[in-house]
Protein backbone atom coordinates (compact mmCIF):
# COMPACT_ATOMS: atom_id res chain seq x y z
CA UNK A 1 -0.12 -0.03 -0.01
CA UNK A 2 3.08 2.33 0.90
CA UNK A 3 4.45 1.65 -2.28
CA UNK A 4 1.37 2.18 -4.36
CA UNK A 5 1.03 5.68 -2.74
CA UNK A 6 4.67 6.50 -3.35
CA UNK A 7 3.95 5.49 -7.19
CA UNK A 8 1.00 7.73 -7.36
CA UNK A 9 2.58 10.64 -5.77
CA UNK A 10 5.24 10.48 -8.15
CA UNK A 11 3.00 10.00 -11.34
CA UNK A 12 1.09 13.17 -10.03
CA UNK A 13 4.27 15.34 -9.47
CA UNK A 14 5.16 14.46 -12.99
CA UNK A 15 1.89 14.84 -14.44
CA UNK A 16 1.65 18.56 -12.74
CA UNK A 17 4.87 19.30 -14.90
CA UNK A 18 3.48 18.21 -18.13
CA UNK A 19 0.01 19.65 -17.26
CA UNK A 20 1.72 23.15 -16.29
CA UNK A 21 3.80 23.07 -19.66
CA UNK A 22 0.86 21.78 -21.76
CA UNK A 23 -1.27 25.05 -20.08
CA UNK A 24 1.65 27.42 -20.74
CA UNK A 25 1.47 26.42 -24.54
CA UNK A 26 -2.35 26.60 -25.00
CA UNK A 27 -2.47 30.04 -23.39
CA UNK A 28 0.54 31.59 -25.68
CA UNK A 29 -1.22 29.95 -28.56
CA UNK A 30 -4.59 31.26 -27.62
CA UNK A 31 -3.16 34.81 -27.12
CA UNK A 32 -1.38 34.85 -30.21
CA UNK A 33 -4.73 33.98 -32.02
CA UNK A 34 -6.52 36.82 -30.30
CA UNK A 35 -3.70 39.47 -30.67
CA UNK A 36 -3.06 38.75 -34.18
CA UNK A 37 -6.42 37.02 -35.63
CA UNK A 38 -8.88 38.71 -33.73
CA UNK A 39 -8.16 42.15 -32.36
CA UNK A 40 -6.71 43.93 -35.69
CA UNK A 41 -10.02 43.57 -37.58
CA UNK A 42 -11.50 45.42 -34.67
CA UNK A 43 -8.82 48.03 -34.48
CA UNK A 44 -9.24 48.78 -38.39
CA UNK A 45 -13.12 48.98 -37.75
CA UNK A 46 -12.77 51.47 -35.17
CA UNK A 47 -10.14 53.47 -37.23
CA UNK A 48 -12.33 53.56 -40.41
CA UNK A 49 -15.75 53.97 -38.25
CA UNK A 50 -14.24 56.48 -35.70
CA UNK A 51 -16.11 59.67 -37.28
CA UNK A 52 -19.63 57.97 -36.70
CA UNK A 53 -18.88 57.46 -32.74
CA UNK A 54 -18.22 61.27 -32.09
CA UNK A 55 -14.60 61.40 -32.55
CA UNK A 56 -12.67 64.69 -33.73
CA UNK A 57 -10.81 64.94 -36.79
CA UNK A 58 -7.23 65.40 -36.53
CA UNK A 59 -7.61 69.27 -36.64
CA UNK A 60 -10.17 69.69 -33.87
CA UNK A 61 -9.85 69.93 -30.26
CA UNK A 62 -9.26 66.50 -29.18
CA UNK A 63 -11.55 63.50 -28.20
CA UNK A 64 -11.51 64.62 -24.42
CA UNK A 65 -15.23 64.82 -22.72
CA UNK A 66 -15.52 67.60 -20.39
CA UNK A 67 -16.83 66.30 -16.89
CA UNK A 68 -17.70 68.77 -13.67
CA UNK A 69 -15.21 68.54 -11.03
CA UNK A 70 -15.98 66.43 -8.13
CA UNK A 71 -15.77 67.15 -4.31
CA UNK A 72 -12.83 65.50 -2.63
CA UNK A 73 -14.71 64.27 0.15
CA UNK A 74 -15.32 61.02 1.95
CA UNK A 75 -19.11 61.26 1.61
CA UNK A 76 -18.60 62.24 -1.96
CA UNK A 77 -16.38 59.18 -2.51
CA UNK A 78 -18.72 56.87 -1.07
CA UNK A 79 -21.24 57.98 -3.46
CA UNK A 80 -20.40 55.97 -6.78
CA UNK A 81 -23.17 57.32 -8.70
């Protein structure tokens, strides 16, 4: 029984190393796909359609939206909305 437990512990420790390597590879491949195949079409679409979403041309005042100043008090900070 003790020998079986030692074998299982050894197998489990080896499996965790292999599983970590496989997970690392899968994560890298998934991020590669997202960064190079999914994100660029959205970036190109946003670049082409930015005029429709309220963006200002290059000669405009910028893309900032003016906001009223907020109070710097604890009760004001506790009110999120």
